[in-house]
Protein backbone atom coordinates (compact mmCIF):
# COMPACT_ATOMS: atom_id res chain seq x y z
CA MET A 1 13.23 60.14 -1.72
CA THR A 2 11.28 58.21 0.89
CA SER A 3 8.43 57.52 -1.51
CA HIS A 4 10.92 56.10 -4.05
CA ARG A 5 12.25 53.68 -1.43
CA ALA A 6 8.73 52.57 -0.55
CA LEU A 7 7.91 52.06 -4.22
CA LEU A 8 11.12 50.09 -4.73
CA LEU A 9 10.34 47.86 -1.73
CA ILE A 10 6.82 47.20 -3.03
CA LEU A 11 8.16 46.32 -6.49
CA LEU A 12 10.81 43.98 -5.06
CA SER A 13 8.23 42.27 -2.80
CA THR A 14 5.80 41.80 -5.67
CA THR A 15 8.52 40.36 -7.90
CA ALA A 16 9.63 37.93 -5.20
CA VAL A 17 6.07 36.71 -4.59
CA ALA A 18 5.34 36.38 -8.32
CA GLY A 19 8.60 34.49 -8.91
CA ALA A 20 7.87 32.06 -6.10
CA GLY A 21 4.53 31.15 -7.68
CA CYS A 22 6.17 30.18 -10.98
CA ALA A 23 8.24 27.29 -9.65
CA LYS A 24 7.35 23.89 -11.11
CA PRO A 25 6.14 21.32 -8.58
CA VAL A 26 8.43 18.37 -8.02
CA GLU A 27 6.99 15.22 -9.57
CA PRO A 28 6.92 12.24 -7.19
CA LYS A 29 9.25 9.38 -8.05
CA SER A 30 7.42 6.24 -9.15
CA THR A 31 8.61 2.67 -8.92
CA THR A 32 7.02 -0.77 -9.18
CA LEU A 33 7.72 -3.70 -6.88
CA HIS A 34 6.30 -7.10 -7.85
CA VAL A 35 6.47 -9.90 -5.28
CA ILE A 36 4.61 -13.18 -4.96
CA GLU A 37 3.10 -14.26 -1.66
CA HIS A 38 2.89 -17.95 -0.80
CA ALA A 39 -0.13 -18.23 1.51
CA GLU A 40 1.35 -20.91 3.77
CA THR A 41 0.24 -19.75 7.23
CA ASP A 42 -3.21 -18.25 6.62
CA THR A 43 -5.30 -18.97 9.70
CA LEU A 44 -9.01 -18.21 9.94
CA GLN A 45 -10.52 -17.56 13.37
CA HIS A 46 -14.27 -17.98 13.20
CA VAL A 47 -16.13 -15.66 15.57
CA GLY A 48 -19.74 -16.41 14.62
CA LYS A 49 -22.19 -19.08 15.72
CA PRO A 50 -20.87 -22.66 15.56
CA ASP A 51 -23.30 -23.64 12.78
CA GLU A 52 -22.20 -20.69 10.59
CA LYS A 53 -19.30 -21.26 8.23
CA ASP A 54 -18.70 -17.60 7.38
CA SER A 55 -19.49 -14.71 9.71
CA LEU A 56 -19.12 -10.98 9.90
CA GLY A 57 -16.01 -10.28 11.99
CA ASP A 58 -14.13 -13.52 11.20
CA ILE A 59 -10.39 -12.90 11.39
CA LEU A 60 -7.81 -14.10 8.87
CA ALA A 61 -4.24 -13.75 10.18
CA PHE A 62 -1.01 -14.59 8.35
CA TYR A 63 2.78 -14.43 8.24
CA ASN A 64 3.78 -15.62 4.78
CA PRO A 65 6.93 -15.71 2.66
CA LEU A 66 7.31 -13.36 -0.31
CA TYR A 67 9.18 -14.39 -3.46
CA ASP A 68 10.64 -12.35 -6.30
CA GLU A 69 8.78 -11.77 -9.56
CA SER A 70 10.18 -15.01 -11.02
CA ASN A 71 8.76 -16.89 -8.00
CA ALA A 72 12.17 -18.51 -7.45
CA ASN A 73 13.86 -16.65 -4.57
CA LYS A 74 12.46 -15.75 -1.17
CA VAL A 75 12.87 -12.00 -0.67
CA GLY A 76 10.77 -11.20 2.39
CA THR A 77 7.58 -11.73 4.35
CA SER A 78 4.05 -10.42 4.59
CA SER A 79 2.25 -10.29 7.91
CA GLY A 80 -1.14 -8.95 8.79
CA ALA A 81 -4.80 -9.50 9.47
CA CYS A 82 -8.09 -9.28 7.61
CA PHE A 83 -11.58 -8.93 9.06
CA ARG A 84 -14.67 -10.29 7.29
CA THR A 85 -16.81 -7.31 6.36
CA ALA A 86 -19.12 -8.79 3.72
CA ILE A 87 -20.12 -12.42 4.22
CA GLY A 88 -19.04 -14.53 1.28
CA SER A 89 -17.38 -11.71 -0.63
CA ALA A 90 -14.90 -9.44 1.16
CA TYR A 91 -12.44 -8.85 3.98
CA GLU A 92 -10.87 -5.56 5.05
CA CYS A 93 -7.12 -6.05 5.47
CA ILE A 94 -3.99 -4.37 6.76
CA TRP A 95 -0.51 -5.84 6.40
CA THR A 96 3.19 -5.15 6.19
CA ALA A 97 5.50 -6.49 3.49
CA THR A 98 9.09 -6.69 4.70
CA VAL A 99 11.39 -6.66 1.67
CA PRO A 100 15.00 -5.68 0.97
CA GLY A 101 15.35 -1.99 1.74
CA GLY A 102 12.47 -1.67 4.20
CA GLN A 103 8.80 -2.25 4.75
CA LEU A 104 5.60 -1.29 2.94
CA THR A 105 2.19 -1.15 4.55
CA ALA A 106 -1.05 -1.67 2.62
CA GLU A 107 -4.68 -1.66 3.58
CA GLY A 108 -8.00 -2.12 1.89
CA PRO A 109 -10.41 -4.75 0.61
CA PHE A 110 -9.55 -8.35 -0.23
CA TYR A 111 -12.31 -9.77 -2.42
CA ASP A 112 -13.10 -13.48 -2.53
CA GLY A 113 -12.16 -14.77 -5.98
CA LYS A 114 -11.57 -11.34 -7.54
CA ASP A 115 -8.64 -8.97 -7.98
CA SER A 116 -8.30 -6.24 -5.37
CA THR A 117 -6.60 -2.87 -5.13
CA LEU A 118 -5.32 -1.69 -1.78
CA ALA A 119 -3.83 1.63 -0.67
CA ILE A 120 -0.14 1.89 0.19
CA THR A 121 -0.27 3.76 3.48
CA GLY A 122 3.44 4.15 4.21
CA GLY A 123 6.78 2.51 4.59
CA THR A 124 10.22 2.47 6.14
CA GLY A 125 13.79 2.62 4.85
CA ASP A 126 13.87 2.92 1.05
CA TYR A 127 10.06 3.17 1.15
CA ASP A 128 9.84 5.99 3.68
CA GLN A 129 6.84 8.20 2.84
CA ALA A 130 5.63 5.72 0.19
CA ARG A 131 2.14 6.19 -1.22
CA GLY A 132 0.27 4.65 -4.12
CA GLN A 133 -1.59 1.40 -4.57
CA MET A 134 -1.05 -2.32 -4.55
CA ALA A 135 -2.76 -4.65 -7.00
CA LEU A 136 -3.51 -8.10 -5.57
CA HIS A 137 -4.14 -10.99 -7.95
CA SER A 138 -4.67 -14.68 -7.13
CA ARG A 139 -2.33 -16.86 -9.20
CA ASN A 140 -4.47 -20.00 -8.78
CA ALA A 141 -7.97 -21.17 -7.84
CA GLN A 142 -6.74 -22.63 -4.55
CA GLY A 143 -5.63 -19.18 -3.31
CA THR A 144 -2.16 -20.40 -2.37
CA GLU A 145 -0.16 -17.77 -4.31
CA TYR A 146 -0.83 -14.09 -4.89
CA ASP A 147 0.80 -11.39 -7.01
CA PHE A 148 1.41 -8.22 -4.99
CA ILE A 149 2.23 -5.42 -7.44
CA TYR A 150 3.11 -2.22 -5.60
CA SER A 151 2.92 1.02 -7.64
CA ILE A 152 4.88 3.28 -5.32
CA LYS A 153 5.07 7.07 -5.36
CA ARG A 154 7.49 8.91 -3.08
């Protein structure tokens, strides 16, 4: 009788382990947030030699308004800093977008005159545990407005 109990326990344990491995993984929820930044406060701090116009390590800091996708209503702010990493072509940036429902953080390259893709590194409130990427696109040659298109997975 004891060997039957042991066999029954082994069978039950095996069934439980096999059943646990068959569960489907939960797909992350995806959402898109499109806001438009008005680059009104961008300030460049030059750290190189006085005769150099563009230097490795230059700092671009900002606190700018964000507008809805129609570019009509202010919905938040973006604040952050970028460091020149490739003279004449790229900065490395980190910033926070404060929008209704919480905040989203993004970091990655900002290319001069080209579209960029940055990583979403987290968030708060409705965006808690957010991941994904943010597409950055200049809306004009002057660099005064940018599309921020967040593809968010939670």
